[in-house]
Amino acid sequence: MEFDLDGKIFTSVSNTDNGEVGSDTVFHYHQNGKLVWADYSGGDIVKGHLIANVLPSGQLDMRYHHINQQGEIMLGKCLSTPTLTDAGKILFKEEWQWLSGDMSSGYSEIVEK
């Protein structure tokens, strides 16, 4: 699936309990070729950034870091798989893992606004 994420805004649809992204978290995406990056904040996240490569499959291989409301710096990795909603919006199905804290894994979904 090919897409252009530059200038797109995403919000959280769901997340496992061990995640910090919630319905108040907003992602502002940018893209230049196969390079993708975003800033995000809201809810439990004070400020965050992610950077990703677009894989030949269209998935995003990303790393992220943010500061949460407790002042902790959190790090993680994520494989995001794009699909389309019935309304034609991009929906990312995300398998992620913390690279700090308890090192647990989770699943989340974000959708284009």
PDB file of N, CA and C in Angstrom:
ATOM      1  N   MET A   1       0.843  -1.183   0.000  1.00  0.00           N
ATOM      2  CA  MET A   1       0.000   0.000   0.000  1.00  0.00           C
ATOM      3  C   MET A   1       0.885   1.243   0.000  1.00  0.00           C
ATOM      4  N   GLU A   2       0.692   2.100  -0.973  1.00  0.00           N
ATOM      5  CA  GLU A   2       1.459   3.343  -1.046  1.00  0.00           C
ATOM      6  C   GLU A   2       0.617   4.476  -0.465  1.00  0.00           C
ATOM      7  N   PHE A   3       1.275   5.404   0.211  1.00  0.00           N
ATOM      8  CA  PHE A   3       0.594   6.513   0.850  1.00  0.00           C
ATOM      9  C   PHE A   3       1.561   7.670   0.994  1.00  0.00           C
ATOM     10  N   ASP A   4       1.011   8.849   1.225  1.00  0.00           N
ATOM     11  CA  ASP A   4       1.807  10.036   1.521  1.00  0.00           C
ATOM     12  C   ASP A   4       1.329  10.561   2.863  1.00  0.00           C
ATOM     13  N   LEU A   5       2.179  10.466   3.862  1.00  0.00           N
ATOM     14  CA  LEU A   5       1.807  10.862   5.217  1.00  0.00           C
ATOM     15  C   LEU A   5       2.109  12.320   5.521  1.00  0.00           C
ATOM     16  N   ASP A   6       2.750  13.026   4.595  1.00  0.00           N
ATOM     17  CA  ASP A   6       3.169  14.389   4.872  1.00  0.00           C
ATOM     18  C   ASP A   6       1.971  15.284   5.195  1.00  0.00           C
ATOM     19  N   GLY A   7       1.991  15.877   6.385  1.00  0.00           N
ATOM     20  CA  GLY A   7       0.940  16.788   6.805  1.00  0.00           C
ATOM     21  C   GLY A   7      -0.288  16.108   7.400  1.00  0.00           C
ATOM     22  N   LYS A   8      -0.292  14.788   7.489  1.00  0.00           N
ATOM     23  CA  LYS A   8      -1.456  14.079   8.017  1.00  0.00           C
ATOM     24  C   LYS A   8      -1.429  14.064   9.548  1.00  0.00           C
ATOM     25  N   ILE A   9      -2.612  14.085  10.131  1.00  0.00           N
ATOM     26  CA  ILE A   9      -2.780  14.060  11.583  1.00  0.00           C
ATOM     27  C   ILE A   9      -3.511  12.780  11.955  1.00  0.00           C
ATOM     28  N   PHE A  10      -3.030  12.115  13.012  1.00  0.00           N
ATOM     29  CA  PHE A  10      -3.614  10.859  13.476  1.00  0.00           C
ATOM     30  C   PHE A  10      -3.971  10.966  14.955  1.00  0.00           C
ATOM     31  N   THR A  11      -4.992  10.203  15.346  1.00  0.00           N
ATOM     32  CA  THR A  11      -5.377  10.083  16.747  1.00  0.00           C
ATOM     33  C   THR A  11      -5.497   8.607  17.096  1.00  0.00           C
ATOM     34  N   SER A  12      -5.403   8.323  18.376  1.00  0.00           N
ATOM     35  CA  SER A  12      -5.456   6.948  18.856  1.00  0.00           C
ATOM     36  C   SER A  12      -6.889   6.418  18.841  1.00  0.00           C
ATOM     37  N   VAL A  13      -7.024   5.171  18.395  1.00  0.00           N
ATOM     38  CA  VAL A  13      -8.308   4.473  18.415  1.00  0.00           C
ATOM     39  C   VAL A  13      -8.331   3.493  19.584  1.00  0.00           C
ATOM     40  N   SER A  14      -7.202   2.802  19.799  1.00  0.00           N
ATOM     41  CA  SER A  14      -7.117   1.825  20.886  1.00  0.00           C
ATOM     42  C   SER A  14      -5.654   1.596  21.250  1.00  0.00           C
ATOM     43  N   ASN A  15      -5.443   1.080  22.474  1.00  0.00           N
ATOM     44  CA  ASN A  15      -4.106   0.757  22.942  1.00  0.00           C
ATOM     45  C   ASN A  15      -4.232  -0.242  24.084  1.00  0.00           C
ATOM     46  N   THR A  16      -3.245  -1.102  24.225  1.00  0.00           N
ATOM     47  CA  THR A  16      -3.238  -2.018  25.353  1.00  0.00           C
ATOM     48  C   THR A  16      -2.932  -1.235  26.633  1.00  0.00           C
ATOM     49  N   ASP A  17      -3.269  -1.827  27.765  1.00  0.00           N
ATOM     50  CA  ASP A  17      -3.164  -1.133  29.054  1.00  0.00           C
ATOM     51  C   ASP A  17      -1.748  -0.688  29.406  1.00  0.00           C
ATOM     52  N   ASN A  18      -0.720  -1.370  28.882  1.00  0.00           N
ATOM     53  CA  ASN A  18       0.662  -1.019  29.206  1.00  0.00           C
ATOM     54  C   ASN A  18       1.202   0.113  28.334  1.00  0.00           C
ATOM     55  N   GLY A  19       0.381   0.657  27.442  1.00  0.00           N
ATOM     56  CA  GLY A  19       0.784   1.780  26.601  1.00  0.00           C
ATOM     57  C   GLY A  19       0.449   3.107  27.246  1.00  0.00           C
ATOM     58  N   GLU A  20       1.061   4.170  26.747  1.00  0.00           N
ATOM     59  CA  GLU A  20       0.820   5.517  27.278  1.00  0.00           C
ATOM     60  C   GLU A  20       0.059   6.410  26.311  1.00  0.00           C
ATOM     61  N   VAL A  21      -0.019   6.027  25.040  1.00  0.00           N
ATOM     62  CA  VAL A  21      -0.788   6.786  24.056  1.00  0.00           C
ATOM     63  C   VAL A  21      -2.274   6.536  24.329  1.00  0.00           C
ATOM     64  N   GLY A  22      -3.059   7.619  24.320  1.00  0.00           N
ATOM     65  CA  GLY A  22      -4.493   7.499  24.556  1.00  0.00           C
ATOM     66  C   GLY A  22      -5.291   8.351  23.593  1.00  0.00           C
ATOM     67  N   SER A  23      -6.574   8.440  23.834  1.00  0.00           N
ATOM     68  CA  SER A  23      -7.478   9.153  22.923  1.00  0.00           C
ATOM     69  C   SER A  23      -7.160  10.643  22.814  1.00  0.00           C
ATOM     70  N   ASP A  24      -6.436  11.209  23.786  1.00  0.00           N
ATOM     71  CA  ASP A  24      -6.060  12.630  23.741  1.00  0.00           C
ATOM     72  C   ASP A  24      -4.713  12.870  23.052  1.00  0.00           C
ATOM     73  N   THR A  25      -4.041  11.804  22.625  1.00  0.00           N
ATOM     74  CA  THR A  25      -2.737  11.935  21.977  1.00  0.00           C
ATOM     75  C   THR A  25      -2.942  12.206  20.485  1.00  0.00           C
ATOM     76  N   VAL A  26      -2.260  13.235  19.969  1.00  0.00           N
ATOM     77  CA  VAL A  26      -2.363  13.621  18.558  1.00  0.00           C
ATOM     78  C   VAL A  26      -0.977  13.523  17.930  1.00  0.00           C
ATOM     79  N   PHE A  27      -0.918  12.900  16.745  1.00  0.00           N
ATOM     80  CA  PHE A  27       0.321  12.693  15.993  1.00  0.00           C
ATOM     81  C   PHE A  27       0.299  13.567  14.744  1.00  0.00           C
ATOM     82  N   HIS A  28       1.370  14.326  14.506  1.00  0.00           N
ATOM     83  CA  HIS A  28       1.525  15.159  13.316  1.00  0.00           C
ATOM     84  C   HIS A  28       2.641  14.547  12.467  1.00  0.00           C
ATOM     85  N   TYR A  29       2.263  13.925  11.358  1.00  0.00           N
ATOM     86  CA  TYR A  29       3.197  13.166  10.520  1.00  0.00           C
ATOM     87  C   TYR A  29       3.786  14.002   9.389  1.00  0.00           C
ATOM     88  N   HIS A  30       5.004  13.598   9.001  1.00  0.00           N
ATOM     89  CA  HIS A  30       5.715  14.187   7.866  1.00  0.00           C
ATOM     90  C   HIS A  30       6.374  13.052   7.094  1.00  0.00           C
ATOM     91  N   GLN A  31       6.593  13.266   5.810  1.00  0.00           N
ATOM     92  CA  GLN A  31       7.227  12.226   5.004  1.00  0.00           C
ATOM     93  C   GLN A  31       8.043  12.856   3.893  1.00  0.00           C
ATOM     94  N   ASN A  32       9.200  12.249   3.647  1.00  0.00           N
ATOM     95  CA  ASN A  32      10.054  12.610   2.523  1.00  0.00           C
ATOM     96  C   ASN A  32      10.563  11.295   1.953  1.00  0.00           C
ATOM     97  N   GLY A  33       9.961  10.832   0.873  1.00  0.00           N
ATOM     98  CA  GLY A  33      10.328   9.542   0.294  1.00  0.00           C
ATOM     99  C   GLY A  33      10.004   8.419   1.259  1.00  0.00           C
ATOM    100  N   LYS A  34      11.008   7.612   1.573  1.00  0.00           N
ATOM    101  CA  LYS A  34      10.822   6.475   2.481  1.00  0.00           C
ATOM    102  C   LYS A  34      11.057   6.837   3.948  1.00  0.00           C
ATOM    103  N   LEU A  35      11.357   8.108   4.222  1.00  0.00           N
ATOM    104  CA  LEU A  35      11.592   8.585   5.579  1.00  0.00           C
ATOM    105  C   LEU A  35      10.320   9.224   6.131  1.00  0.00           C
ATOM    106  N   VAL A  36       9.901   8.781   7.314  1.00  0.00           N
ATOM    107  CA  VAL A  36       8.709   9.311   7.976  1.00  0.00           C
ATOM    108  C   VAL A  36       9.103   9.745   9.383  1.00  0.00           C
ATOM    109  N   TRP A  37       8.521  10.857   9.849  1.00  0.00           N
ATOM    110  CA  TRP A  37       8.735  11.291  11.217  1.00  0.00           C
ATOM    111  C   TRP A  37       7.470  11.985  11.702  1.00  0.00           C
ATOM    112  N   ALA A  38       7.332  12.051  13.013  1.00  0.00           N
ATOM    113  CA  ALA A  38       6.152  12.697  13.588  1.00  0.00           C
ATOM    114  C   ALA A  38       6.474  13.238  14.966  1.00  0.00           C
ATOM    115  N   ASP A  39       5.733  14.266  15.340  1.00  0.00           N
ATOM    116  CA  ASP A  39       5.707  14.793  16.694  1.00  0.00           C
ATOM    117  C   ASP A  39       4.364  14.392  17.286  1.00  0.00           C
ATOM    118  N   TYR A  40       4.345  14.078  18.566  1.00  0.00           N
ATOM    119  CA  TYR A  40       3.077  13.736  19.204  1.00  0.00           C
ATOM    120  C   TYR A  40       3.048  14.209  20.648  1.00  0.00           C
ATOM    121  N   SER A  41       1.849  14.487  21.128  1.00  0.00           N
ATOM    122  CA  SER A  41       1.641  14.927  22.506  1.00  0.00           C
ATOM    123  C   SER A  41       0.161  14.813  22.829  1.00  0.00           C
ATOM    124  N   GLY A  42      -0.125  14.942  24.124  1.00  0.00           N
ATOM    125  CA  GLY A  42      -1.505  14.910  24.588  1.00  0.00           C
ATOM    126  C   GLY A  42      -1.755  13.741  25.518  1.00  0.00           C
ATOM    127  N   GLY A  43      -2.676  13.944  26.449  1.00  0.00           N
ATOM    128  CA  GLY A  43      -2.969  12.906  27.424  1.00  0.00           C
ATOM    129  C   GLY A  43      -1.772  12.664  28.329  1.00  0.00           C
ATOM    130  N   ASP A  44      -1.314  11.420  28.409  1.00  0.00           N
ATOM    131  CA  ASP A  44      -0.176  11.072  29.274  1.00  0.00           C
ATOM    132  C   ASP A  44       1.172  11.470  28.675  1.00  0.00           C
ATOM    133  N   ILE A  45       1.177  11.945  27.421  1.00  0.00           N
ATOM    134  CA  ILE A  45       2.417  12.284  26.728  1.00  0.00           C
ATOM    135  C   ILE A  45       2.615  13.795  26.725  1.00  0.00           C
ATOM    136  N   VAL A  46       3.728  14.257  27.316  1.00  0.00           N
ATOM    137  CA  VAL A  46       4.053  15.686  27.301  1.00  0.00           C
ATOM    138  C   VAL A  46       4.604  16.065  25.925  1.00  0.00           C
ATOM    139  N   LYS A  47       5.586  15.302  25.444  1.00  0.00           N
ATOM    140  CA  LYS A  47       6.192  15.570  24.129  1.00  0.00           C
ATOM    141  C   LYS A  47       6.842  14.299  23.630  1.00  0.00           C
ATOM    142  N   GLY A  48       6.602  13.967  22.368  1.00  0.00           N
ATOM    143  CA  GLY A  48       7.200  12.776  21.795  1.00  0.00           C
ATOM    144  C   GLY A  48       7.568  12.959  20.340  1.00  0.00           C
ATOM    145  N   HIS A  49       8.468  12.096  19.879  1.00  0.00           N
ATOM    146  CA  HIS A  49       8.918  12.082  18.488  1.00  0.00           C
ATOM    147  C   HIS A  49       9.047  10.634  18.037  1.00  0.00           C
ATOM    148  N   LEU A  50       8.810  10.421  16.759  1.00  0.00           N
ATOM    149  CA  LEU A  50       9.085   9.111  16.174  1.00  0.00           C
ATOM    150  C   LEU A  50       9.759   9.309  14.831  1.00  0.00           C
ATOM    151  N   ILE A  51      10.504   8.295  14.419  1.00  0.00           N
ATOM    152  CA  ILE A  51      11.153   8.289  13.112  1.00  0.00           C
ATOM    153  C   ILE A  51      11.022   6.884  12.557  1.00  0.00           C
ATOM    154  N   ALA A  52      10.788   6.783  11.237  1.00  0.00           N
ATOM    155  CA  ALA A  52      10.524   5.471  10.652  1.00  0.00           C
ATOM    156  C   ALA A  52      11.016   5.399   9.223  1.00  0.00           C
ATOM    157  N   ASN A  53      11.284   4.170   8.808  1.00  0.00           N
ATOM    158  CA  ASN A  53      11.527   3.839   7.404  1.00  0.00           C
ATOM    159  C   ASN A  53      10.280   3.158   6.868  1.00  0.00           C
ATOM    160  N   VAL A  54       9.896   3.504   5.633  1.00  0.00           N
ATOM    161  CA  VAL A  54       8.815   2.794   4.962  1.00  0.00           C
ATOM    162  C   VAL A  54       9.429   1.547   4.331  1.00  0.00           C
ATOM    163  N   LEU A  55       8.942   0.383   4.721  1.00  0.00           N
ATOM    164  CA  LEU A  55       9.430  -0.884   4.186  1.00  0.00           C
ATOM    165  C   LEU A  55       8.780  -1.159   2.827  1.00  0.00           C
ATOM    166  N   PRO A  56       9.354  -2.046   2.015  1.00  0.00           N
ATOM    167  CA  PRO A  56       8.741  -2.374   0.712  1.00  0.00           C
ATOM    168  C   PRO A  56       7.282  -2.821   0.834  1.00  0.00           C
ATOM    169  N   SER A  57       6.913  -3.400   1.973  1.00  0.00           N
ATOM    170  CA  SER A  57       5.535  -3.847   2.211  1.00  0.00           C
ATOM    171  C   SER A  57       4.579  -2.682   2.484  1.00  0.00           C
ATOM    172  N   GLY A  58       5.135  -1.470   2.709  1.00  0.00           N
ATOM    173  CA  GLY A  58       4.324  -0.320   3.088  1.00  0.00           C
ATOM    174  C   GLY A  58       4.244  -0.123   4.588  1.00  0.00           C
ATOM    175  N   GLN A  59       4.729  -1.092   5.361  1.00  0.00           N
ATOM    176  CA  GLN A  59       4.751  -0.967   6.813  1.00  0.00           C
ATOM    177  C   GLN A  59       5.792   0.066   7.232  1.00  0.00           C
ATOM    178  N   LEU A  60       5.602   0.630   8.409  1.00  0.00           N
ATOM    179  CA  LEU A  60       6.564   1.555   8.987  1.00  0.00           C
ATOM    180  C   LEU A  60       7.356   0.833  10.065  1.00  0.00           C
ATOM    181  N   ASP A  61       8.678   0.851   9.942  1.00  0.00           N
ATOM    182  CA  ASP A  61       9.587   0.320  10.958  1.00  0.00           C
ATOM    183  C   ASP A  61      10.072   1.527  11.740  1.00  0.00           C
ATOM    184  N   MET A  62       9.545   1.706  12.946  1.00  0.00           N
ATOM    185  CA  MET A  62       9.806   2.964  13.661  1.00  0.00           C
ATOM    186  C   MET A  62      10.429   2.764  15.029  1.00  0.00           C
ATOM    187  N   ARG A  63      11.036   3.841  15.489  1.00  0.00           N
ATOM    188  CA  ARG A  63      11.513   3.984  16.857  1.00  0.00           C
ATOM    189  C   ARG A  63      10.907   5.278  17.381  1.00  0.00           C
ATOM    190  N   TYR A  64      10.572   5.273  18.663  1.00  0.00           N
ATOM    191  CA  TYR A  64       9.944   6.459  19.244  1.00  0.00           C
ATOM    192  C   TYR A  64      10.490   6.725  20.644  1.00  0.00           C
ATOM    193  N   HIS A  65      10.360   7.968  21.058  1.00  0.00           N
ATOM    194  CA  HIS A  65      10.696   8.360  22.429  1.00  0.00           C
ATOM    195  C   HIS A  65       9.774   9.497  22.839  1.00  0.00           C
ATOM    196  N   HIS A  66       9.459   9.532  24.126  1.00  0.00           N
ATOM    197  CA  HIS A  66       8.641  10.629  24.639  1.00  0.00           C
ATOM    198  C   HIS A  66       8.881  10.817  26.131  1.00  0.00           C
ATOM    199  N   ILE A  67       8.422  11.959  26.612  1.00  0.00           N
ATOM    200  CA  ILE A  67       8.414  12.244  28.039  1.00  0.00           C
ATOM    201  C   ILE A  67       6.954  12.191  28.486  1.00  0.00           C
ATOM    202  N   ASN A  68       6.695  11.396  29.525  1.00  0.00           N
ATOM    203  CA  ASN A  68       5.326  11.273  30.017  1.00  0.00           C
ATOM    204  C   ASN A  68       5.053  12.282  31.146  1.00  0.00           C
ATOM    205  N   GLN A  69       3.829  12.284  31.632  1.00  0.00           N
ATOM    206  CA  GLN A  69       3.426  13.250  32.673  1.00  0.00           C
ATOM    207  C   GLN A  69       4.203  13.073  33.970  1.00  0.00           C
ATOM    208  N   GLN A  70       4.807  11.893  34.189  1.00  0.00           N
ATOM    209  CA  GLN A  70       5.622  11.655  35.384  1.00  0.00           C
ATOM    210  C   GLN A  70       7.067  12.109  35.199  1.00  0.00           C
ATOM    211  N   GLY A  71       7.393  12.649  34.011  1.00  0.00           N
ATOM    212  CA  GLY A  71       8.740  13.127  33.736  1.00  0.00           C
ATOM    213  C   GLY A  71       9.695  12.033  33.292  1.00  0.00           C
ATOM    214  N   GLU A  72       9.179  10.845  33.024  1.00  0.00           N
ATOM    215  CA  GLU A  72      10.029   9.737  32.577  1.00  0.00           C
ATOM    216  C   GLU A  72      10.252   9.811  31.066  1.00  0.00           C
ATOM    217  N   ILE A  73      11.465   9.513  30.634  1.00  0.00           N
ATOM    218  CA  ILE A  73      11.762   9.387  29.208  1.00  0.00           C
ATOM    219  C   ILE A  73      11.555   7.929  28.838  1.00  0.00           C
ATOM    220  N   MET A  74      10.645   7.687  27.896  1.00  0.00           N
ATOM    221  CA  MET A  74      10.294   6.331  27.473  1.00  0.00           C
ATOM    222  C   MET A  74      10.741   6.128  26.028  1.00  0.00           C
ATOM    223  N   LEU A  75      11.232   4.917  25.734  1.00  0.00           N
ATOM    224  CA  LEU A  75      11.731   4.564  24.409  1.00  0.00           C
ATOM    225  C   LEU A  75      11.024   3.309  23.922  1.00  0.00           C
ATOM    226  N   GLY A  76      10.827   3.204  22.609  1.00  0.00           N
ATOM    227  CA  GLY A  76      10.207   1.995  22.092  1.00  0.00           C
ATOM    228  C   GLY A  76      10.422   1.806  20.613  1.00  0.00           C
ATOM    229  N   LYS A  77       9.984   0.630  20.137  1.00  0.00           N
ATOM    230  CA  LYS A  77      10.015   0.318  18.712  1.00  0.00           C
ATOM    231  C   LYS A  77       8.639  -0.166  18.317  1.00  0.00           C
ATOM    232  N   CYS A  78       8.320  -0.010  17.029  1.00  0.00           N
ATOM    233  CA  CYS A  78       6.973  -0.316  16.570  1.00  0.00           C
ATOM    234  C   CYS A  78       7.010  -0.713  15.101  1.00  0.00           C
ATOM    235  N   LEU A  79       6.168  -1.683  14.740  1.00  0.00           N
ATOM    236  CA  LEU A  79       5.925  -2.028  13.346  1.00  0.00           C
ATOM    237  C   LEU A  79       4.472  -1.664  13.070  1.00  0.00           C
ATOM    238  N   SER A  80       4.261  -0.672  12.196  1.00  0.00           N
ATOM    239  CA  SER A  80       2.921  -0.171  11.891  1.00  0.00           C
ATOM    240  C   SER A  80       2.497  -0.646  10.511  1.00  0.00           C
ATOM    241  N   THR A  81       1.329  -1.276  10.455  1.00  0.00           N
ATOM    242  CA  THR A  81       0.803  -1.808   9.197  1.00  0.00           C
ATOM    243  C   THR A  81      -0.382  -0.955   8.756  1.00  0.00           C
ATOM    244  N   PRO A  82      -0.294  -0.321   7.569  1.00  0.00           N
ATOM    245  CA  PRO A  82      -1.386   0.539   7.111  1.00  0.00           C
ATOM    246  C   PRO A  82      -2.527  -0.257   6.480  1.00  0.00           C
ATOM    247  N   THR A  83      -3.737   0.188   6.770  1.00  0.00           N
ATOM    248  CA  THR A  83      -4.947  -0.289   6.095  1.00  0.00           C
ATOM    249  C   THR A  83      -5.801   0.946   5.839  1.00  0.00           C
ATOM    250  N   LEU A  84      -6.907   0.759   5.155  1.00  0.00           N
ATOM    251  CA  LEU A  84      -7.833   1.864   4.921  1.00  0.00           C
ATOM    252  C   LEU A  84      -9.158   1.576   5.610  1.00  0.00           C
ATOM    253  N   THR A  85      -9.739   2.610   6.206  1.00  0.00           N
ATOM    254  CA  THR A  85     -11.073   2.486   6.788  1.00  0.00           C
ATOM    255  C   THR A  85     -12.100   2.522   5.657  1.00  0.00           C
ATOM    256  N   ASP A  86     -13.348   2.234   5.993  1.00  0.00           N
ATOM    257  CA  ASP A  86     -14.421   2.321   4.988  1.00  0.00           C
ATOM    258  C   ASP A  86     -14.557   3.733   4.435  1.00  0.00           C
ATOM    259  N   ALA A  87     -14.154   4.728   5.227  1.00  0.00           N
ATOM    260  CA  ALA A  87     -14.219   6.133   4.797  1.00  0.00           C
ATOM    261  C   ALA A  87     -12.989   6.557   3.994  1.00  0.00           C
ATOM    262  N   GLY A  88     -12.046   5.617   3.763  1.00  0.00           N
ATOM    263  CA  GLY A  88     -10.868   5.935   2.974  1.00  0.00           C
ATOM    264  C   GLY A  88      -9.735   6.577   3.752  1.00  0.00           C
ATOM    265  N   LYS A  89      -9.826   6.575   5.072  1.00  0.00           N
ATOM    266  CA  LYS A  89      -8.764   7.125   5.923  1.00  0.00           C
ATOM    267  C   LYS A  89      -7.735   6.044   6.229  1.00  0.00           C
ATOM    268  N   ILE A  90      -6.471   6.457   6.458  1.00  0.00           N
ATOM    269  CA  ILE A  90      -5.412   5.511   6.802  1.00  0.00           C
ATOM    270  C   ILE A  90      -5.564   5.109   8.267  1.00  0.00           C
ATOM    271  N   LEU A  91      -5.514   3.804   8.509  1.00  0.00           N
ATOM    272  CA  LEU A  91      -5.534   3.247   9.850  1.00  0.00           C
ATOM    273  C   LEU A  91      -4.268   2.421  10.017  1.00  0.00           C
ATOM    274  N   PHE A  92      -3.465   2.740  11.039  1.00  0.00           N
ATOM    275  CA  PHE A  92      -2.256   1.966  11.324  1.00  0.00           C
ATOM    276  C   PHE A  92      -2.535   0.985  12.451  1.00  0.00           C
ATOM    277  N   LYS A  93      -2.256  -0.290  12.192  1.00  0.00           N
ATOM    278  CA  LYS A  93      -2.310  -1.338  13.208  1.00  0.00           C
ATOM    279  C   LYS A  93      -0.880  -1.547  13.677  1.00  0.00           C
ATOM    280  N   GLU A  94      -0.636  -1.323  14.965  1.00  0.00           N
ATOM    281  CA  GLU A  94       0.727  -1.185  15.466  1.00  0.00           C
ATOM    282  C   GLU A  94       1.080  -2.233  16.521  1.00  0.00           C
ATOM    283  N   GLU A  95       2.140  -2.968  16.244  1.00  0.00           N
ATOM    284  CA  GLU A  95       2.709  -3.890  17.219  1.00  0.00           C
ATOM    285  C   GLU A  95       3.966  -3.218  17.760  1.00  0.00           C
ATOM    286  N   TRP A  96       3.985  -2.968  19.068  1.00  0.00           N
ATOM    287  CA  TRP A  96       5.075  -2.179  19.645  1.00  0.00           C
ATOM    288  C   TRP A  96       5.664  -2.878  20.864  1.00  0.00           C
ATOM    289  N   GLN A  97       6.875  -2.391  21.235  1.00  0.00           N
ATOM    290  CA  GLN A  97       7.546  -2.891  22.429  1.00  0.00           C
ATOM    291  C   GLN A  97       8.329  -1.761  23.065  1.00  0.00           C
ATOM    292  N   TRP A  98       8.229  -1.671  24.392  1.00  0.00           N
ATOM    293  CA  TRP A  98       9.057  -0.717  25.127  1.00  0.00           C
ATOM    294  C   TRP A  98      10.516  -1.161  25.071  1.00  0.00           C
ATOM    295  N   LEU A  99      11.407  -0.193  24.903  1.00  0.00           N
ATOM    296  CA  LEU A  99      12.850  -0.429  24.991  1.00  0.00           C
ATOM    297  C   LEU A  99      13.391   0.196  26.282  1.00  0.00           C
ATOM    298  N   SER A 100      12.482   0.585  27.158  1.00  0.00           N
ATOM    299  CA  SER A 100      12.791   1.099  28.490  1.00  0.00           C
ATOM    300  C   SER A 100      11.701   0.584  29.418  1.00  0.00           C
ATOM    301  N   GLY A 101      11.851   0.858  30.691  1.00  0.00           N
ATOM    302  CA  GLY A 101      10.836   0.403  31.642  1.00  0.00           C
ATOM    303  C   GLY A 101      10.767  -1.109  31.701  1.00  0.00           C
ATOM    304  N   ASP A 102       9.564  -1.666  31.623  1.00  0.00           N
ATOM    305  CA  ASP A 102       9.389  -3.114  31.793  1.00  0.00           C
ATOM    306  C   ASP A 102       9.618  -3.930  30.521  1.00  0.00           C
ATOM    307  N   MET A 103       9.932  -3.272  29.416  1.00  0.00           N
ATOM    308  CA  MET A 103      10.246  -3.944  28.132  1.00  0.00           C
ATOM    309  C   MET A 103       9.055  -4.753  27.590  1.00  0.00           C
ATOM    310  N   SER A 104       7.849  -4.469  28.045  1.00  0.00           N
ATOM    311  CA  SER A 104       6.669  -5.217  27.599  1.00  0.00           C
ATOM    312  C   SER A 104       6.264  -4.817  26.189  1.00  0.00           C
ATOM    313  N   SER A 105       5.384  -5.614  25.606  1.00  0.00           N
ATOM    314  CA  SER A 105       4.880  -5.387  24.250  1.00  0.00           C
ATOM    315  C   SER A 105       3.403  -5.032  24.301  1.00  0.00           C
ATOM    316  N   GLY A 106       2.915  -4.463  23.203  1.00  0.00           N
ATOM    317  CA  GLY A 106       1.503  -4.117  23.139  1.00  0.00           C
ATOM    318  C   GLY A 106       1.022  -3.958  21.716  1.00  0.00           C
ATOM    319  N   TYR A 107      -0.248  -3.586  21.592  1.00  0.00           N
ATOM    320  CA  TYR A 107      -0.894  -3.389  20.292  1.00  0.00           C
ATOM    321  C   TYR A 107      -1.745  -2.132  20.372  1.00  0.00           C
ATOM    322  N   SER A 108      -1.672  -1.311  19.331  1.00  0.00           N
ATOM    323  CA  SER A 108      -2.467  -0.103  19.279  1.00  0.00           C
ATOM    324  C   SER A 108      -2.920   0.158  17.849  1.00  0.00           C
ATOM    325  N   GLU A 109      -3.876   1.072  17.719  1.00  0.00           N
ATOM    326  CA  GLU A 109      -4.326   1.522  16.405  1.00  0.00           C
ATOM    327  C   GLU A 109      -4.474   3.031  16.440  1.00  0.00           C
ATOM    328  N   ILE A 110      -4.021   3.684  15.361  1.00  0.00           N
ATOM    329  CA  ILE A 110      -4.232   5.118  15.185  1.00  0.00           C
ATOM    330  C   ILE A 110      -4.885   5.340  13.830  1.00  0.00           C
ATOM    331  N   VAL A 111      -5.704   6.375  13.727  1.00  0.00           N
ATOM    332  CA  VAL A 111      -6.422   6.634  12.484  1.00  0.00           C
ATOM    333  C   VAL A 111      -6.245   8.090  12.073  1.00  0.00           C
ATOM    334  N   GLU A 112      -6.214   8.294  10.766  1.00  0.00           N
ATOM    335  CA  GLU A 112      -6.099   9.632  10.181  1.00  0.00           C
ATOM    336  C   GLU A 112      -7.354  10.442  10.500  1.00  0.00           C
ATOM    337  N   LYS A 113      -7.148  11.711  10.895  1.00  0.00           N
ATOM    338  CA  LYS A 113      -8.273  12.613  11.164  1.00  0.00           C
ATOM    339  C   LYS A 113      -8.844  13.155   9.873  1.00  0.00           C
TER     340      LYS A 113
END
